[in-house]
Amino acid sequence: FRLDGPGLAGVVLEHPDGWRLELL
């Protein structure tokens, strides 16, 4: 995703076991 106003970009990553990591 991208929020153009603040210029924030991110990605949500998921492990096969279901835990997630969001990088911003």
PDBML (XML) file of the C-alpha atoms, coordinates in Angstrom:
<?xml version="1.0" encoding="UTF-8" ?>
<PDBx:datablock datablockName="MODEL"
   xmlns:PDBx="http://pdbml.pdb.org/schema/pdbx-v50.xsd"
   xmlns:xsi="http://www.w3.org/2001/XMLSchema-instance"
   xsi:schemaLocation="http://pdbml.pdb.org/schema/pdbx-v50.xsd pdbx-v50.xsd">
   <PDBx:atom_siteCategory>
      <PDBx:atom_site id="1">
         <PDBx:B_iso_or_equiv>0.00</PDBx:B_iso_or_equiv>
         <PDBx:Cartn_x>0.000</PDBx:Cartn_x>
         <PDBx:Cartn_y>0.000</PDBx:Cartn_y>
         <PDBx:Cartn_z>0.000</PDBx:Cartn_z>
         <PDBx:auth_asym_id>A</PDBx:auth_asym_id>
         <PDBx:auth_atom_id>CA</PDBx:auth_atom_id>
         <PDBx:auth_comp_id>PHE</PDBx:auth_comp_id>
         <PDBx:auth_seq_id>1</PDBx:auth_seq_id>
         <PDBx:group_PDB>ATOM</PDBx:group_PDB>
         <PDBx:label_alt_id xsi:nil="true" />
         <PDBx:label_asym_id>A</PDBx:label_asym_id>
         <PDBx:label_atom_id>CA</PDBx:label_atom_id>
         <PDBx:label_comp_id>PHE</PDBx:label_comp_id>
         <PDBx:label_entity_id>1</PDBx:label_entity_id>
         <PDBx:label_seq_id>1</PDBx:label_seq_id>
         <PDBx:occupancy>1.00</PDBx:occupancy>
         <PDBx:pdbx_PDB_model_num>1</PDBx:pdbx_PDB_model_num>
         <PDBx:type_symbol>C</PDBx:type_symbol>
      </PDBx:atom_site>
      <PDBx:atom_site id="2">
         <PDBx:B_iso_or_equiv>0.00</PDBx:B_iso_or_equiv>
         <PDBx:Cartn_x>0.904</PDBx:Cartn_x>
         <PDBx:Cartn_y>3.662</PDBx:Cartn_y>
         <PDBx:Cartn_z>-0.338</PDBx:Cartn_z>
         <PDBx:auth_asym_id>A</PDBx:auth_asym_id>
         <PDBx:auth_atom_id>CA</PDBx:auth_atom_id>
         <PDBx:auth_comp_id>ARG</PDBx:auth_comp_id>
         <PDBx:auth_seq_id>2</PDBx:auth_seq_id>
         <PDBx:group_PDB>ATOM</PDBx:group_PDB>
         <PDBx:label_alt_id xsi:nil="true" />
         <PDBx:label_asym_id>A</PDBx:label_asym_id>
         <PDBx:label_atom_id>CA</PDBx:label_atom_id>
         <PDBx:label_comp_id>ARG</PDBx:label_comp_id>
         <PDBx:label_entity_id>1</PDBx:label_entity_id>
         <PDBx:label_seq_id>2</PDBx:label_seq_id>
         <PDBx:occupancy>1.00</PDBx:occupancy>
         <PDBx:pdbx_PDB_model_num>1</PDBx:pdbx_PDB_model_num>
         <PDBx:type_symbol>C</PDBx:type_symbol>
      </PDBx:atom_site>
      <PDBx:atom_site id="3">
         <PDBx:B_iso_or_equiv>0.00</PDBx:B_iso_or_equiv>
         <PDBx:Cartn_x>-0.482</PDBx:Cartn_x>
         <PDBx:Cartn_y>6.733</PDBx:Cartn_y>
         <PDBx:Cartn_z>1.421</PDBx:Cartn_z>
         <PDBx:auth_asym_id>A</PDBx:auth_asym_id>
         <PDBx:auth_atom_id>CA</PDBx:auth_atom_id>
         <PDBx:auth_comp_id>LEU</PDBx:auth_comp_id>
         <PDBx:auth_seq_id>3</PDBx:auth_seq_id>
         <PDBx:group_PDB>ATOM</PDBx:group_PDB>
         <PDBx:label_alt_id xsi:nil="true" />
         <PDBx:label_asym_id>A</PDBx:label_asym_id>
         <PDBx:label_atom_id>CA</PDBx:label_atom_id>
         <PDBx:label_comp_id>LEU</PDBx:label_comp_id>
         <PDBx:label_entity_id>1</PDBx:label_entity_id>
         <PDBx:label_seq_id>3</PDBx:label_seq_id>
         <PDBx:occupancy>1.00</PDBx:occupancy>
         <PDBx:pdbx_PDB_model_num>1</PDBx:pdbx_PDB_model_num>
         <PDBx:type_symbol>C</PDBx:type_symbol>
      </PDBx:atom_site>
      <PDBx:atom_site id="4">
         <PDBx:B_iso_or_equiv>0.00</PDBx:B_iso_or_equiv>
         <PDBx:Cartn_x>0.384</PDBx:Cartn_x>
         <PDBx:Cartn_y>9.563</PDBx:Cartn_y>
         <PDBx:Cartn_z>-0.944</PDBx:Cartn_z>
         <PDBx:auth_asym_id>A</PDBx:auth_asym_id>
         <PDBx:auth_atom_id>CA</PDBx:auth_atom_id>
         <PDBx:auth_comp_id>ASP</PDBx:auth_comp_id>
         <PDBx:auth_seq_id>4</PDBx:auth_seq_id>
         <PDBx:group_PDB>ATOM</PDBx:group_PDB>
         <PDBx:label_alt_id xsi:nil="true" />
         <PDBx:label_asym_id>A</PDBx:label_asym_id>
         <PDBx:label_atom_id>CA</PDBx:label_atom_id>
         <PDBx:label_comp_id>ASP</PDBx:label_comp_id>
         <PDBx:label_entity_id>1</PDBx:label_entity_id>
         <PDBx:label_seq_id>4</PDBx:label_seq_id>
         <PDBx:occupancy>1.00</PDBx:occupancy>
         <PDBx:pdbx_PDB_model_num>1</PDBx:pdbx_PDB_model_num>
         <PDBx:type_symbol>C</PDBx:type_symbol>
      </PDBx:atom_site>
      <PDBx:atom_site id="5">
         <PDBx:B_iso_or_equiv>0.00</PDBx:B_iso_or_equiv>
         <PDBx:Cartn_x>-0.257</PDBx:Cartn_x>
         <PDBx:Cartn_y>12.424</PDBx:Cartn_y>
         <PDBx:Cartn_z>1.501</PDBx:Cartn_z>
         <PDBx:auth_asym_id>A</PDBx:auth_asym_id>
         <PDBx:auth_atom_id>CA</PDBx:auth_atom_id>
         <PDBx:auth_comp_id>GLY</PDBx:auth_comp_id>
         <PDBx:auth_seq_id>5</PDBx:auth_seq_id>
         <PDBx:group_PDB>ATOM</PDBx:group_PDB>
         <PDBx:label_alt_id xsi:nil="true" />
         <PDBx:label_asym_id>A</PDBx:label_asym_id>
         <PDBx:label_atom_id>CA</PDBx:label_atom_id>
         <PDBx:label_comp_id>GLY</PDBx:label_comp_id>
         <PDBx:label_entity_id>1</PDBx:label_entity_id>
         <PDBx:label_seq_id>5</PDBx:label_seq_id>
         <PDBx:occupancy>1.00</PDBx:occupancy>
         <PDBx:pdbx_PDB_model_num>1</PDBx:pdbx_PDB_model_num>
         <PDBx:type_symbol>C</PDBx:type_symbol>
      </PDBx:atom_site>
      <PDBx:atom_site id="6">
         <PDBx:B_iso_or_equiv>0.00</PDBx:B_iso_or_equiv>
         <PDBx:Cartn_x>2.480</PDBx:Cartn_x>
         <PDBx:Cartn_y>11.501</PDBx:Cartn_y>
         <PDBx:Cartn_z>3.985</PDBx:Cartn_z>
         <PDBx:auth_asym_id>A</PDBx:auth_asym_id>
         <PDBx:auth_atom_id>CA</PDBx:auth_atom_id>
         <PDBx:auth_comp_id>PRO</PDBx:auth_comp_id>
         <PDBx:auth_seq_id>6</PDBx:auth_seq_id>
         <PDBx:group_PDB>ATOM</PDBx:group_PDB>
         <PDBx:label_alt_id xsi:nil="true" />
         <PDBx:label_asym_id>A</PDBx:label_asym_id>
         <PDBx:label_atom_id>CA</PDBx:label_atom_id>
         <PDBx:label_comp_id>PRO</PDBx:label_comp_id>
         <PDBx:label_entity_id>1</PDBx:label_entity_id>
         <PDBx:label_seq_id>6</PDBx:label_seq_id>
         <PDBx:occupancy>1.00</PDBx:occupancy>
         <PDBx:pdbx_PDB_model_num>1</PDBx:pdbx_PDB_model_num>
         <PDBx:type_symbol>C</PDBx:type_symbol>
      </PDBx:atom_site>
      <PDBx:atom_site id="7">
         <PDBx:B_iso_or_equiv>0.00</PDBx:B_iso_or_equiv>
         <PDBx:Cartn_x>4.423</PDBx:Cartn_x>
         <PDBx:Cartn_y>9.471</PDBx:Cartn_y>
         <PDBx:Cartn_z>1.402</PDBx:Cartn_z>
         <PDBx:auth_asym_id>A</PDBx:auth_asym_id>
         <PDBx:auth_atom_id>CA</PDBx:auth_atom_id>
         <PDBx:auth_comp_id>GLY</PDBx:auth_comp_id>
         <PDBx:auth_seq_id>7</PDBx:auth_seq_id>
         <PDBx:group_PDB>ATOM</PDBx:group_PDB>
         <PDBx:label_alt_id xsi:nil="true" />
         <PDBx:label_asym_id>A</PDBx:label_asym_id>
         <PDBx:label_atom_id>CA</PDBx:label_atom_id>
         <PDBx:label_comp_id>GLY</PDBx:label_comp_id>
         <PDBx:label_entity_id>1</PDBx:label_entity_id>
         <PDBx:label_seq_id>7</PDBx:label_seq_id>
         <PDBx:occupancy>1.00</PDBx:occupancy>
         <PDBx:pdbx_PDB_model_num>1</PDBx:pdbx_PDB_model_num>
         <PDBx:type_symbol>C</PDBx:type_symbol>
      </PDBx:atom_site>
      <PDBx:atom_site id="8">
         <PDBx:B_iso_or_equiv>0.00</PDBx:B_iso_or_equiv>
         <PDBx:Cartn_x>4.169</PDBx:Cartn_x>
         <PDBx:Cartn_y>6.313</PDBx:Cartn_y>
         <PDBx:Cartn_z>3.487</PDBx:Cartn_z>
         <PDBx:auth_asym_id>A</PDBx:auth_asym_id>
         <PDBx:auth_atom_id>CA</PDBx:auth_atom_id>
         <PDBx:auth_comp_id>LEU</PDBx:auth_comp_id>
         <PDBx:auth_seq_id>8</PDBx:auth_seq_id>
         <PDBx:group_PDB>ATOM</PDBx:group_PDB>
         <PDBx:label_alt_id xsi:nil="true" />
         <PDBx:label_asym_id>A</PDBx:label_asym_id>
         <PDBx:label_atom_id>CA</PDBx:label_atom_id>
         <PDBx:label_comp_id>LEU</PDBx:label_comp_id>
         <PDBx:label_entity_id>1</PDBx:label_entity_id>
         <PDBx:label_seq_id>8</PDBx:label_seq_id>
         <PDBx:occupancy>1.00</PDBx:occupancy>
         <PDBx:pdbx_PDB_model_num>1</PDBx:pdbx_PDB_model_num>
         <PDBx:type_symbol>C</PDBx:type_symbol>
      </PDBx:atom_site>
      <PDBx:atom_site id="9">
         <PDBx:B_iso_or_equiv>0.00</PDBx:B_iso_or_equiv>
         <PDBx:Cartn_x>4.658</PDBx:Cartn_x>
         <PDBx:Cartn_y>2.988</PDBx:Cartn_y>
         <PDBx:Cartn_z>1.719</PDBx:Cartn_z>
         <PDBx:auth_asym_id>A</PDBx:auth_asym_id>
         <PDBx:auth_atom_id>CA</PDBx:auth_atom_id>
         <PDBx:auth_comp_id>ALA</PDBx:auth_comp_id>
         <PDBx:auth_seq_id>9</PDBx:auth_seq_id>
         <PDBx:group_PDB>ATOM</PDBx:group_PDB>
         <PDBx:label_alt_id xsi:nil="true" />
         <PDBx:label_asym_id>A</PDBx:label_asym_id>
         <PDBx:label_atom_id>CA</PDBx:label_atom_id>
         <PDBx:label_comp_id>ALA</PDBx:label_comp_id>
         <PDBx:label_entity_id>1</PDBx:label_entity_id>
         <PDBx:label_seq_id>9</PDBx:label_seq_id>
         <PDBx:occupancy>1.00</PDBx:occupancy>
         <PDBx:pdbx_PDB_model_num>1</PDBx:pdbx_PDB_model_num>
         <PDBx:type_symbol>C</PDBx:type_symbol>
      </PDBx:atom_site>
      <PDBx:atom_site id="10">
         <PDBx:B_iso_or_equiv>0.00</PDBx:B_iso_or_equiv>
         <PDBx:Cartn_x>4.234</PDBx:Cartn_x>
         <PDBx:Cartn_y>-0.431</PDBx:Cartn_y>
         <PDBx:Cartn_z>3.222</PDBx:Cartn_z>
         <PDBx:auth_asym_id>A</PDBx:auth_asym_id>
         <PDBx:auth_atom_id>CA</PDBx:auth_atom_id>
         <PDBx:auth_comp_id>GLY</PDBx:auth_comp_id>
         <PDBx:auth_seq_id>10</PDBx:auth_seq_id>
         <PDBx:group_PDB>ATOM</PDBx:group_PDB>
         <PDBx:label_alt_id xsi:nil="true" />
         <PDBx:label_asym_id>A</PDBx:label_asym_id>
         <PDBx:label_atom_id>CA</PDBx:label_atom_id>
         <PDBx:label_comp_id>GLY</PDBx:label_comp_id>
         <PDBx:label_entity_id>1</PDBx:label_entity_id>
         <PDBx:label_seq_id>10</PDBx:label_seq_id>
         <PDBx:occupancy>1.00</PDBx:occupancy>
         <PDBx:pdbx_PDB_model_num>1</PDBx:pdbx_PDB_model_num>
         <PDBx:type_symbol>C</PDBx:type_symbol>
      </PDBx:atom_site>
      <PDBx:atom_site id="11">
         <PDBx:B_iso_or_equiv>0.00</PDBx:B_iso_or_equiv>
         <PDBx:Cartn_x>4.004</PDBx:Cartn_x>
         <PDBx:Cartn_y>-4.139</PDBx:Cartn_y>
         <PDBx:Cartn_z>2.643</PDBx:Cartn_z>
         <PDBx:auth_asym_id>A</PDBx:auth_asym_id>
         <PDBx:auth_atom_id>CA</PDBx:auth_atom_id>
         <PDBx:auth_comp_id>VAL</PDBx:auth_comp_id>
         <PDBx:auth_seq_id>11</PDBx:auth_seq_id>
         <PDBx:group_PDB>ATOM</PDBx:group_PDB>
         <PDBx:label_alt_id xsi:nil="true" />
         <PDBx:label_asym_id>A</PDBx:label_asym_id>
         <PDBx:label_atom_id>CA</PDBx:label_atom_id>
         <PDBx:label_comp_id>VAL</PDBx:label_comp_id>
         <PDBx:label_entity_id>1</PDBx:label_entity_id>
         <PDBx:label_seq_id>11</PDBx:label_seq_id>
         <PDBx:occupancy>1.00</PDBx:occupancy>
         <PDBx:pdbx_PDB_model_num>1</PDBx:pdbx_PDB_model_num>
         <PDBx:type_symbol>C</PDBx:type_symbol>
      </PDBx:atom_site>
      <PDBx:atom_site id="12">
         <PDBx:B_iso_or_equiv>0.00</PDBx:B_iso_or_equiv>
         <PDBx:Cartn_x>2.420</PDBx:Cartn_x>
         <PDBx:Cartn_y>-6.856</PDBx:Cartn_y>
         <PDBx:Cartn_z>4.760</PDBx:Cartn_z>
         <PDBx:auth_asym_id>A</PDBx:auth_asym_id>
         <PDBx:auth_atom_id>CA</PDBx:auth_atom_id>
         <PDBx:auth_comp_id>VAL</PDBx:auth_comp_id>
         <PDBx:auth_seq_id>12</PDBx:auth_seq_id>
         <PDBx:group_PDB>ATOM</PDBx:group_PDB>
         <PDBx:label_alt_id xsi:nil="true" />
         <PDBx:label_asym_id>A</PDBx:label_asym_id>
         <PDBx:label_atom_id>CA</PDBx:label_atom_id>
         <PDBx:label_comp_id>VAL</PDBx:label_comp_id>
         <PDBx:label_entity_id>1</PDBx:label_entity_id>
         <PDBx:label_seq_id>12</PDBx:label_seq_id>
         <PDBx:occupancy>1.00</PDBx:occupancy>
         <PDBx:pdbx_PDB_model_num>1</PDBx:pdbx_PDB_model_num>
         <PDBx:type_symbol>C</PDBx:type_symbol>
      </PDBx:atom_site>
      <PDBx:atom_site id="13">
         <PDBx:B_iso_or_equiv>0.00</PDBx:B_iso_or_equiv>
         <PDBx:Cartn_x>4.326</PDBx:Cartn_x>
         <PDBx:Cartn_y>-10.131</PDBx:Cartn_y>
         <PDBx:Cartn_z>4.669</PDBx:Cartn_z>
         <PDBx:auth_asym_id>A</PDBx:auth_asym_id>
         <PDBx:auth_atom_id>CA</PDBx:auth_atom_id>
         <PDBx:auth_comp_id>LEU</PDBx:auth_comp_id>
         <PDBx:auth_seq_id>13</PDBx:auth_seq_id>
         <PDBx:group_PDB>ATOM</PDBx:group_PDB>
         <PDBx:label_alt_id xsi:nil="true" />
         <PDBx:label_asym_id>A</PDBx:label_asym_id>
         <PDBx:label_atom_id>CA</PDBx:label_atom_id>
         <PDBx:label_comp_id>LEU</PDBx:label_comp_id>
         <PDBx:label_entity_id>1</PDBx:label_entity_id>
         <PDBx:label_seq_id>13</PDBx:label_seq_id>
         <PDBx:occupancy>1.00</PDBx:occupancy>
         <PDBx:pdbx_PDB_model_num>1</PDBx:pdbx_PDB_model_num>
         <PDBx:type_symbol>C</PDBx:type_symbol>
      </PDBx:atom_site>
      <PDBx:atom_site id="14">
         <PDBx:B_iso_or_equiv>0.00</PDBx:B_iso_or_equiv>
         <PDBx:Cartn_x>2.997</PDBx:Cartn_x>
         <PDBx:Cartn_y>-13.445</PDBx:Cartn_y>
         <PDBx:Cartn_z>5.944</PDBx:Cartn_z>
         <PDBx:auth_asym_id>A</PDBx:auth_asym_id>
         <PDBx:auth_atom_id>CA</PDBx:auth_atom_id>
         <PDBx:auth_comp_id>GLU</PDBx:auth_comp_id>
         <PDBx:auth_seq_id>14</PDBx:auth_seq_id>
         <PDBx:group_PDB>ATOM</PDBx:group_PDB>
         <PDBx:label_alt_id xsi:nil="true" />
         <PDBx:label_asym_id>A</PDBx:label_asym_id>
         <PDBx:label_atom_id>CA</PDBx:label_atom_id>
         <PDBx:label_comp_id>GLU</PDBx:label_comp_id>
         <PDBx:label_entity_id>1</PDBx:label_entity_id>
         <PDBx:label_seq_id>14</PDBx:label_seq_id>
         <PDBx:occupancy>1.00</PDBx:occupancy>
         <PDBx:pdbx_PDB_model_num>1</PDBx:pdbx_PDB_model_num>
         <PDBx:type_symbol>C</PDBx:type_symbol>
      </PDBx:atom_site>
      <PDBx:atom_site id="15">
         <PDBx:B_iso_or_equiv>0.00</PDBx:B_iso_or_equiv>
         <PDBx:Cartn_x>4.680</PDBx:Cartn_x>
         <PDBx:Cartn_y>-16.663</PDBx:Cartn_y>
         <PDBx:Cartn_z>7.060</PDBx:Cartn_z>
         <PDBx:auth_asym_id>A</PDBx:auth_asym_id>
         <PDBx:auth_atom_id>CA</PDBx:auth_atom_id>
         <PDBx:auth_comp_id>HIS</PDBx:auth_comp_id>
         <PDBx:auth_seq_id>15</PDBx:auth_seq_id>
         <PDBx:group_PDB>ATOM</PDBx:group_PDB>
         <PDBx:label_alt_id xsi:nil="true" />
         <PDBx:label_asym_id>A</PDBx:label_asym_id>
         <PDBx:label_atom_id>CA</PDBx:label_atom_id>
         <PDBx:label_comp_id>HIS</PDBx:label_comp_id>
         <PDBx:label_entity_id>1</PDBx:label_entity_id>
         <PDBx:label_seq_id>15</PDBx:label_seq_id>
         <PDBx:occupancy>1.00</PDBx:occupancy>
         <PDBx:pdbx_PDB_model_num>1</PDBx:pdbx_PDB_model_num>
         <PDBx:type_symbol>C</PDBx:type_symbol>
      </PDBx:atom_site>
      <PDBx:atom_site id="16">
         <PDBx:B_iso_or_equiv>0.00</PDBx:B_iso_or_equiv>
         <PDBx:Cartn_x>3.101</PDBx:Cartn_x>
         <PDBx:Cartn_y>-20.014</PDBx:Cartn_y>
         <PDBx:Cartn_z>6.085</PDBx:Cartn_z>
         <PDBx:auth_asym_id>A</PDBx:auth_asym_id>
         <PDBx:auth_atom_id>CA</PDBx:auth_atom_id>
         <PDBx:auth_comp_id>PRO</PDBx:auth_comp_id>
         <PDBx:auth_seq_id>16</PDBx:auth_seq_id>
         <PDBx:group_PDB>ATOM</PDBx:group_PDB>
         <PDBx:label_alt_id xsi:nil="true" />
         <PDBx:label_asym_id>A</PDBx:label_asym_id>
         <PDBx:label_atom_id>CA</PDBx:label_atom_id>
         <PDBx:label_comp_id>PRO</PDBx:label_comp_id>
         <PDBx:label_entity_id>1</PDBx:label_entity_id>
         <PDBx:label_seq_id>16</PDBx:label_seq_id>
         <PDBx:occupancy>1.00</PDBx:occupancy>
         <PDBx:pdbx_PDB_model_num>1</PDBx:pdbx_PDB_model_num>
         <PDBx:type_symbol>C</PDBx:type_symbol>
      </PDBx:atom_site>
      <PDBx:atom_site id="17">
         <PDBx:B_iso_or_equiv>0.00</PDBx:B_iso_or_equiv>
         <PDBx:Cartn_x>2.243</PDBx:Cartn_x>
         <PDBx:Cartn_y>-20.483</PDBx:Cartn_y>
         <PDBx:Cartn_z>9.805</PDBx:Cartn_z>
         <PDBx:auth_asym_id>A</PDBx:auth_asym_id>
         <PDBx:auth_atom_id>CA</PDBx:auth_atom_id>
         <PDBx:auth_comp_id>ASP</PDBx:auth_comp_id>
         <PDBx:auth_seq_id>17</PDBx:auth_seq_id>
         <PDBx:group_PDB>ATOM</PDBx:group_PDB>
         <PDBx:label_alt_id xsi:nil="true" />
         <PDBx:label_asym_id>A</PDBx:label_asym_id>
         <PDBx:label_atom_id>CA</PDBx:label_atom_id>
         <PDBx:label_comp_id>ASP</PDBx:label_comp_id>
         <PDBx:label_entity_id>1</PDBx:label_entity_id>
         <PDBx:label_seq_id>17</PDBx:label_seq_id>
         <PDBx:occupancy>1.00</PDBx:occupancy>
         <PDBx:pdbx_PDB_model_num>1</PDBx:pdbx_PDB_model_num>
         <PDBx:type_symbol>C</PDBx:type_symbol>
      </PDBx:atom_site>
      <PDBx:atom_site id="18">
         <PDBx:B_iso_or_equiv>0.00</PDBx:B_iso_or_equiv>
         <PDBx:Cartn_x>0.160</PDBx:Cartn_x>
         <PDBx:Cartn_y>-17.280</PDBx:Cartn_y>
         <PDBx:Cartn_z>9.735</PDBx:Cartn_z>
         <PDBx:auth_asym_id>A</PDBx:auth_asym_id>
         <PDBx:auth_atom_id>CA</PDBx:auth_atom_id>
         <PDBx:auth_comp_id>GLY</PDBx:auth_comp_id>
         <PDBx:auth_seq_id>18</PDBx:auth_seq_id>
         <PDBx:group_PDB>ATOM</PDBx:group_PDB>
         <PDBx:label_alt_id xsi:nil="true" />
         <PDBx:label_asym_id>A</PDBx:label_asym_id>
         <PDBx:label_atom_id>CA</PDBx:label_atom_id>
         <PDBx:label_comp_id>GLY</PDBx:label_comp_id>
         <PDBx:label_entity_id>1</PDBx:label_entity_id>
         <PDBx:label_seq_id>18</PDBx:label_seq_id>
         <PDBx:occupancy>1.00</PDBx:occupancy>
         <PDBx:pdbx_PDB_model_num>1</PDBx:pdbx_PDB_model_num>
         <PDBx:type_symbol>C</PDBx:type_symbol>
      </PDBx:atom_site>
      <PDBx:atom_site id="19">
         <PDBx:B_iso_or_equiv>0.00</PDBx:B_iso_or_equiv>
         <PDBx:Cartn_x>2.311</PDBx:Cartn_x>
         <PDBx:Cartn_y>-14.727</PDBx:Cartn_y>
         <PDBx:Cartn_z>11.567</PDBx:Cartn_z>
         <PDBx:auth_asym_id>A</PDBx:auth_asym_id>
         <PDBx:auth_atom_id>CA</PDBx:auth_atom_id>
         <PDBx:auth_comp_id>TRP</PDBx:auth_comp_id>
         <PDBx:auth_seq_id>19</PDBx:auth_seq_id>
         <PDBx:group_PDB>ATOM</PDBx:group_PDB>
         <PDBx:label_alt_id xsi:nil="true" />
         <PDBx:label_asym_id>A</PDBx:label_asym_id>
         <PDBx:label_atom_id>CA</PDBx:label_atom_id>
         <PDBx:label_comp_id>TRP</PDBx:label_comp_id>
         <PDBx:label_entity_id>1</PDBx:label_entity_id>
         <PDBx:label_seq_id>19</PDBx:label_seq_id>
         <PDBx:occupancy>1.00</PDBx:occupancy>
         <PDBx:pdbx_PDB_model_num>1</PDBx:pdbx_PDB_model_num>
         <PDBx:type_symbol>C</PDBx:type_symbol>
      </PDBx:atom_site>
      <PDBx:atom_site id="20">
         <PDBx:B_iso_or_equiv>0.00</PDBx:B_iso_or_equiv>
         <PDBx:Cartn_x>2.665</PDBx:Cartn_x>
         <PDBx:Cartn_y>-11.387</PDBx:Cartn_y>
         <PDBx:Cartn_z>9.810</PDBx:Cartn_z>
         <PDBx:auth_asym_id>A</PDBx:auth_asym_id>
         <PDBx:auth_atom_id>CA</PDBx:auth_atom_id>
         <PDBx:auth_comp_id>ARG</PDBx:auth_comp_id>
         <PDBx:auth_seq_id>20</PDBx:auth_seq_id>
         <PDBx:group_PDB>ATOM</PDBx:group_PDB>
         <PDBx:label_alt_id xsi:nil="true" />
         <PDBx:label_asym_id>A</PDBx:label_asym_id>
         <PDBx:label_atom_id>CA</PDBx:label_atom_id>
         <PDBx:label_comp_id>ARG</PDBx:label_comp_id>
         <PDBx:label_entity_id>1</PDBx:label_entity_id>
         <PDBx:label_seq_id>20</PDBx:label_seq_id>
         <PDBx:occupancy>1.00</PDBx:occupancy>
         <PDBx:pdbx_PDB_model_num>1</PDBx:pdbx_PDB_model_num>
         <PDBx:type_symbol>C</PDBx:type_symbol>
      </PDBx:atom_site>
      <PDBx:atom_site id="21">
         <PDBx:B_iso_or_equiv>0.00</PDBx:B_iso_or_equiv>
         <PDBx:Cartn_x>5.243</PDBx:Cartn_x>
         <PDBx:Cartn_y>-8.642</PDBx:Cartn_y>
         <PDBx:Cartn_z>9.550</PDBx:Cartn_z>
         <PDBx:auth_asym_id>A</PDBx:auth_asym_id>
         <PDBx:auth_atom_id>CA</PDBx:auth_atom_id>
         <PDBx:auth_comp_id>LEU</PDBx:auth_comp_id>
         <PDBx:auth_seq_id>21</PDBx:auth_seq_id>
         <PDBx:group_PDB>ATOM</PDBx:group_PDB>
         <PDBx:label_alt_id xsi:nil="true" />
         <PDBx:label_asym_id>A</PDBx:label_asym_id>
         <PDBx:label_atom_id>CA</PDBx:label_atom_id>
         <PDBx:label_comp_id>LEU</PDBx:label_comp_id>
         <PDBx:label_entity_id>1</PDBx:label_entity_id>
         <PDBx:label_seq_id>21</PDBx:label_seq_id>
         <PDBx:occupancy>1.00</PDBx:occupancy>
         <PDBx:pdbx_PDB_model_num>1</PDBx:pdbx_PDB_model_num>
         <PDBx:type_symbol>C</PDBx:type_symbol>
      </PDBx:atom_site>
      <PDBx:atom_site id="22">
         <PDBx:B_iso_or_equiv>0.00</PDBx:B_iso_or_equiv>
         <PDBx:Cartn_x>4.381</PDBx:Cartn_x>
         <PDBx:Cartn_y>-5.167</PDBx:Cartn_y>
         <PDBx:Cartn_z>8.259</PDBx:Cartn_z>
         <PDBx:auth_asym_id>A</PDBx:auth_asym_id>
         <PDBx:auth_atom_id>CA</PDBx:auth_atom_id>
         <PDBx:auth_comp_id>GLU</PDBx:auth_comp_id>
         <PDBx:auth_seq_id>22</PDBx:auth_seq_id>
         <PDBx:group_PDB>ATOM</PDBx:group_PDB>
         <PDBx:label_alt_id xsi:nil="true" />
         <PDBx:label_asym_id>A</PDBx:label_asym_id>
         <PDBx:label_atom_id>CA</PDBx:label_atom_id>
         <PDBx:label_comp_id>GLU</PDBx:label_comp_id>
         <PDBx:label_entity_id>1</PDBx:label_entity_id>
         <PDBx:label_seq_id>22</PDBx:label_seq_id>
         <PDBx:occupancy>1.00</PDBx:occupancy>
         <PDBx:pdbx_PDB_model_num>1</PDBx:pdbx_PDB_model_num>
         <PDBx:type_symbol>C</PDBx:type_symbol>
      </PDBx:atom_site>
      <PDBx:atom_site id="23">
         <PDBx:B_iso_or_equiv>0.00</PDBx:B_iso_or_equiv>
         <PDBx:Cartn_x>7.281</PDBx:Cartn_x>
         <PDBx:Cartn_y>-3.159</PDBx:Cartn_y>
         <PDBx:Cartn_z>6.844</PDBx:Cartn_z>
         <PDBx:auth_asym_id>A</PDBx:auth_asym_id>
         <PDBx:auth_atom_id>CA</PDBx:auth_atom_id>
         <PDBx:auth_comp_id>LEU</PDBx:auth_comp_id>
         <PDBx:auth_seq_id>23</PDBx:auth_seq_id>
         <PDBx:group_PDB>ATOM</PDBx:group_PDB>
         <PDBx:label_alt_id xsi:nil="true" />
         <PDBx:label_asym_id>A</PDBx:label_asym_id>
         <PDBx:label_atom_id>CA</PDBx:label_atom_id>
         <PDBx:label_comp_id>LEU</PDBx:label_comp_id>
         <PDBx:label_entity_id>1</PDBx:label_entity_id>
         <PDBx:label_seq_id>23</PDBx:label_seq_id>
         <PDBx:occupancy>1.00</PDBx:occupancy>
         <PDBx:pdbx_PDB_model_num>1</PDBx:pdbx_PDB_model_num>
         <PDBx:type_symbol>C</PDBx:type_symbol>
      </PDBx:atom_site>
      <PDBx:atom_site id="24">
         <PDBx:B_iso_or_equiv>0.00</PDBx:B_iso_or_equiv>
         <PDBx:Cartn_x>6.774</PDBx:Cartn_x>
         <PDBx:Cartn_y>0.609</PDBx:Cartn_y>
         <PDBx:Cartn_z>6.592</PDBx:Cartn_z>
         <PDBx:auth_asym_id>A</PDBx:auth_asym_id>
         <PDBx:auth_atom_id>CA</PDBx:auth_atom_id>
         <PDBx:auth_comp_id>LEU</PDBx:auth_comp_id>
         <PDBx:auth_seq_id>24</PDBx:auth_seq_id>
         <PDBx:group_PDB>ATOM</PDBx:group_PDB>
         <PDBx:label_alt_id xsi:nil="true" />
         <PDBx:label_asym_id>A</PDBx:label_asym_id>
         <PDBx:label_atom_id>CA</PDBx:label_atom_id>
         <PDBx:label_comp_id>LEU</PDBx:label_comp_id>
         <PDBx:label_entity_id>1</PDBx:label_entity_id>
         <PDBx:label_seq_id>24</PDBx:label_seq_id>
         <PDBx:occupancy>1.00</PDBx:occupancy>
         <PDBx:pdbx_PDB_model_num>1</PDBx:pdbx_PDB_model_num>
         <PDBx:type_symbol>C</PDBx:type_symbol>
      </PDBx:atom_site>
   </PDBx:atom_siteCategory>
</PDBx:datablock>
